[in-house]
């Protein structure tokens, strides 16, 4: 594996309806490797994706991340990946290019989710998941994809037994919420498929190992 800069920072972003505890396993694994980690809780059910990206920008400015870090990486789960992508699409125009690190996204629905398609008009779904939930449909996401001008590694899952609705609505290999195909995006550096459930990706030690490998090497280890 490559050598790590002593001032490498990793920003963690959870999925919709969760909080920083969902990425606690990732946080601990990265800290054990010597990374400086900021595991953020953001208002995922209160704003749309653009507003959440602005929120992220403000938080990182407050933390002075791009000044105090020699390199900044991102690891994001599900909706967190869309927020991260939206943020970087604009931030890369004014942050130092040499400080931009690598990005790993876990189960991010770049092509949307058929589960969101099926539930988007249901009042409880609207109430719980808010504006961002409405932006997770396949039609919306396929019309709003960003171009990753950085090294992006994506991990997709194929276990779905915990999500009966996802098993019913998604006809392709999926993690219960997002199909493997929907996690892909043009311009990604590498893509890895693992037998994991969507909501539990952040707790998988196997995924932790792959995240660290990608951050250090820019590709996944596809062995084993």
Protein backbone atom coordinates (compact mmCIF):
# COMPACT_ATOMS: atom_id res chain seq x y z
CA UNK A 1 0.00 0.00 0.00
CA UNK A 2 1.05 3.59 -0.59
CA UNK A 3 2.49 5.80 2.14
CA UNK A 4 0.04 8.10 3.89
CA UNK A 5 0.59 11.79 4.40
CA UNK A 6 0.51 12.63 8.11
CA UNK A 7 -2.11 15.35 7.57
CA UNK A 8 -4.61 13.35 5.54
CA UNK A 9 -8.21 14.02 6.53
CA UNK A 10 -11.29 11.93 5.74
CA UNK A 11 -14.80 13.37 5.76
CA UNK A 12 -17.55 10.81 6.46
CA UNK A 13 -21.18 11.23 5.34
CA UNK A 14 -23.99 8.85 6.32
CA UNK A 15 -27.12 7.96 4.34
CA UNK A 16 -30.63 9.39 4.49
CA UNK A 17 -32.41 9.05 7.83
CA UNK A 18 -29.24 8.06 9.66
CA UNK A 19 -26.62 9.95 11.67
CA UNK A 20 -22.89 9.79 12.30
CA UNK A 21 -23.25 6.57 14.34
CA UNK A 22 -23.98 4.68 11.12
CA UNK A 23 -20.41 5.49 10.00
CA UNK A 24 -18.78 4.89 13.39
CA UNK A 25 -17.24 1.62 12.25
CA UNK A 26 -15.62 3.34 9.27
CA UNK A 27 -14.43 6.14 11.55
CA UNK A 28 -12.70 3.74 13.94
CA UNK A 29 -11.06 1.78 11.11
CA UNK A 30 -9.67 4.95 9.50
CA UNK A 31 -8.42 6.41 12.78
CA UNK A 32 -6.58 3.15 13.44
CA UNK A 33 -4.72 3.80 10.18
CA UNK A 34 -3.71 7.29 11.28
CA UNK A 35 -6.23 9.36 9.36
CA UNK A 36 -7.79 12.50 10.84
CA UNK A 37 -11.54 11.80 10.62
CA UNK A 38 -14.55 14.11 10.71
CA UNK A 39 -17.70 12.01 10.98
CA UNK A 40 -20.55 14.44 10.34
CA UNK A 41 -24.25 14.26 11.10
CA UNK A 42 -26.16 16.32 8.55
CA UNK A 43 -29.91 17.12 8.24
CA UNK A 44 -30.55 14.48 5.57
CA UNK A 45 -34.35 14.57 5.88
CA UNK A 46 -34.76 18.34 6.11
CA UNK A 47 -33.27 19.69 2.86
CA UNK A 48 -32.81 18.85 -0.80
CA UNK A 49 -29.43 17.65 -2.08
CA UNK A 50 -28.25 21.07 -3.27
CA UNK A 51 -29.05 22.62 0.11
CA UNK A 52 -27.29 19.75 1.87
CA UNK A 53 -24.20 20.34 -0.29
CA UNK A 54 -24.26 23.99 0.76
CA UNK A 55 -24.58 22.88 4.39
CA UNK A 56 -21.51 20.66 3.92
CA UNK A 57 -19.56 23.51 2.34
CA UNK A 58 -20.32 25.73 5.33
CA UNK A 59 -19.28 23.04 7.81
CA UNK A 60 -15.97 22.39 6.09
CA UNK A 61 -15.29 26.12 5.88
CA UNK A 62 -15.97 26.43 9.61
CA UNK A 63 -13.59 23.54 10.31
CA UNK A 64 -11.02 25.12 7.96
CA UNK A 65 -10.54 21.66 6.46
CA UNK A 66 -8.88 22.68 3.20
CA UNK A 67 -6.35 24.87 5.03
CA UNK A 68 -5.29 22.56 7.86
CA UNK A 69 -5.17 19.36 5.76
CA UNK A 70 -2.56 18.34 3.23
CA UNK A 71 -5.05 16.00 1.58
CA UNK A 72 -8.82 15.62 2.00
CA UNK A 73 -10.66 12.37 1.21
CA UNK A 74 -14.37 11.56 1.41
CA UNK A 75 -16.20 8.34 2.29
CA UNK A 76 -19.96 8.51 1.88
CA UNK A 77 -22.86 6.11 2.20
CA UNK A 78 -25.95 6.21 -0.04
CA UNK A 79 -27.44 9.75 -0.09
CA UNK A 80 -24.18 10.98 1.43
CA UNK A 81 -22.49 10.18 -1.86
CA UNK A 82 -24.92 12.39 -3.78
CA UNK A 83 -24.36 15.22 -1.31
CA UNK A 84 -20.61 14.74 -1.59
CA UNK A 85 -20.75 14.69 -5.41
CA UNK A 86 -22.87 17.83 -5.52
CA UNK A 87 -20.53 19.61 -3.11
CA UNK A 88 -17.36 18.65 -4.98
CA UNK A 89 -18.86 19.62 -8.33
CA UNK A 90 -18.76 23.24 -7.13
CA UNK A 91 -15.99 23.16 -4.51
CA UNK A 92 -13.34 21.92 -6.93
CA UNK A 93 -13.50 25.25 -8.72
CA UNK A 94 -11.97 27.05 -5.74
CA UNK A 95 -10.12 24.54 -3.55
CA UNK A 96 -6.41 23.70 -4.09
CA UNK A 97 -6.27 20.88 -6.64
CA UNK A 98 -3.28 19.21 -4.95
CA UNK A 99 -5.29 18.83 -1.73
CA UNK A 100 -8.14 16.86 -3.31
CA UNK A 101 -7.87 13.25 -2.26
CA UNK A 102 -9.86 10.16 -3.17
CA UNK A 103 -13.54 9.39 -2.71
CA UNK A 104 -15.29 6.13 -1.82
CA UNK A 105 -19.06 5.84 -2.11
CA UNK A 106 -21.04 2.97 -0.61
CA UNK A 107 -24.36 2.02 -2.21
CA UNK A 108 -24.92 5.52 -3.61
CA UNK A 109 -27.91 5.59 -5.99
CA UNK A 110 -26.41 7.53 -8.90
CA UNK A 111 -29.08 6.05 -11.13
CA UNK A 112 -31.78 6.35 -8.47
CA UNK A 113 -33.73 3.70 -6.59
CA UNK A 114 -36.84 1.83 -7.63
CA UNK A 115 -37.84 1.86 -3.96
CA UNK A 116 -38.04 5.66 -4.11
CA UNK A 117 -40.03 5.32 -7.35
CA UNK A 118 -42.57 3.13 -5.58
CA UNK A 119 -42.85 5.25 -2.43
CA UNK A 120 -42.40 8.83 -3.65
CA UNK A 121 -46.13 9.69 -3.46
CA UNK A 122 -46.75 7.92 -0.15
CA UNK A 123 -47.40 10.55 2.55
CA UNK A 124 -45.30 8.83 5.20
CA UNK A 125 -42.30 8.57 2.86
CA UNK A 126 -42.61 12.28 2.09
CA UNK A 127 -42.93 13.12 5.77
CA UNK A 128 -39.99 11.04 6.95
CA UNK A 129 -37.46 11.50 4.14
CA UNK A 130 -38.33 15.03 3.06
CA UNK A 131 -37.07 16.83 -0.07
CA UNK A 132 -34.00 14.62 -0.57
CA UNK A 133 -36.17 11.50 -0.60
CA UNK A 134 -38.03 12.86 -3.61
CA UNK A 135 -34.70 13.28 -5.42
CA UNK A 136 -33.80 9.60 -5.14
CA UNK A 137 -36.12 8.43 -7.93
CA UNK A 138 -34.60 6.86 -11.02
CA UNK A 139 -35.89 9.60 -13.34
CA UNK A 140 -34.48 12.40 -11.20
CA UNK A 141 -31.09 10.87 -10.59
CA UNK A 142 -30.50 9.87 -14.22
CA UNK A 143 -31.09 13.48 -15.25
CA UNK A 144 -28.81 15.00 -12.60
CA UNK A 145 -25.63 12.95 -12.58
CA UNK A 146 -22.39 14.73 -11.79
CA UNK A 147 -18.98 14.13 -13.39
CA UNK A 148 -16.37 12.98 -10.86
CA UNK A 149 -13.19 14.96 -11.55
CA UNK A 150 -11.36 12.95 -8.88
CA UNK A 151 -10.53 9.33 -8.17
CA UNK A 152 -13.84 7.73 -7.23
CA UNK A 153 -14.27 4.16 -6.02
CA UNK A 154 -17.76 2.72 -5.63
CA UNK A 155 -18.86 -0.30 -3.59
CA UNK A 156 -22.19 -1.99 -4.37
CA UNK A 157 -23.97 -4.65 -2.33
CA UNK A 158 -25.91 -7.76 -3.35
CA UNK A 159 -27.57 -8.93 -0.10
CA UNK A 160 -31.20 -7.85 0.25
CA UNK A 161 -32.96 -10.25 2.64
CA UNK A 162 -33.50 -7.47 5.20
CA UNK A 163 -35.53 -5.35 2.74
CA UNK A 164 -38.65 -7.18 1.46
CA UNK A 165 -39.93 -4.11 -0.39
CA UNK A 166 -36.62 -3.67 -2.18
CA UNK A 167 -36.57 -7.34 -3.12
CA UNK A 168 -40.01 -6.91 -4.66
CA UNK A 169 -39.44 -3.59 -6.47
CA UNK A 170 -35.87 -4.00 -7.72
CA UNK A 171 -35.61 -6.72 -10.34
CA UNK A 172 -31.82 -6.58 -10.76
CA UNK A 173 -29.05 -7.56 -8.30
CA UNK A 174 -29.34 -5.14 -5.38
CA UNK A 175 -28.58 -4.42 -1.73
CA UNK A 176 -32.23 -4.04 -0.76
CA UNK A 177 -32.40 -0.34 -1.61
CA UNK A 178 -30.18 0.26 -4.63
CA UNK A 179 -29.38 -1.95 -7.61
CA UNK A 180 -25.76 -2.71 -8.43
CA UNK A 181 -26.22 -1.03 -11.81
CA UNK A 182 -27.57 2.17 -10.24
CA UNK A 183 -24.43 2.60 -8.14
CA UNK A 184 -22.33 3.07 -11.27
CA UNK A 185 -21.50 6.47 -12.74
CA UNK A 186 -19.53 7.54 -15.78
CA UNK A 187 -16.02 8.58 -14.83
CA UNK A 188 -15.65 6.38 -11.74
CA UNK A 189 -12.17 4.95 -11.23
CA UNK A 190 -13.16 1.53 -9.89
CA UNK A 191 -16.24 -0.47 -8.91
CA UNK A 192 -16.52 -3.34 -6.45
CA UNK A 193 -19.44 -5.69 -5.73
CA UNK A 194 -19.69 -7.33 -2.29
CA UNK A 195 -22.33 -9.50 -0.52
CA UNK A 196 -23.47 -6.77 1.89
CA UNK A 197 -26.77 -5.15 2.93
CA UNK A 198 -27.39 -1.48 2.13
CA UNK A 199 -27.93 -0.11 5.62
CA UNK A 200 -25.10 -2.09 7.20
CA UNK A 201 -22.28 -1.20 4.82
CA UNK A 202 -20.67 1.14 7.34
CA UNK A 203 -20.28 -1.71 9.83
CA UNK A 204 -18.66 -4.21 7.45
CA UNK A 205 -15.01 -4.88 8.32
CA UNK A 206 -14.57 -6.18 4.77
CA UNK A 207 -15.70 -2.81 3.43
CA UNK A 208 -13.40 -1.00 5.88
CA UNK A 209 -10.45 -2.87 4.41
CA UNK A 210 -11.47 -1.98 0.86
CA UNK A 211 -12.00 1.69 1.76
CA UNK A 212 -8.51 1.97 3.21
CA UNK A 213 -6.98 0.18 0.24
CA UNK A 214 -8.66 2.55 -2.21
CA UNK A 215 -7.69 5.67 -0.27
CA UNK A 216 -4.09 4.52 -0.31
CA UNK A 217 -3.89 3.13 -3.85
CA UNK A 218 -6.65 4.66 -5.98
CA UNK A 219 -8.05 1.22 -6.92
CA UNK A 220 -9.70 -1.61 -5.05
CA UNK A 221 -8.07 -4.93 -4.36
CA UNK A 222 -10.29 -7.35 -6.25
CA UNK A 223 -8.62 -10.38 -4.70
CA UNK A 224 -10.48 -12.48 -2.16
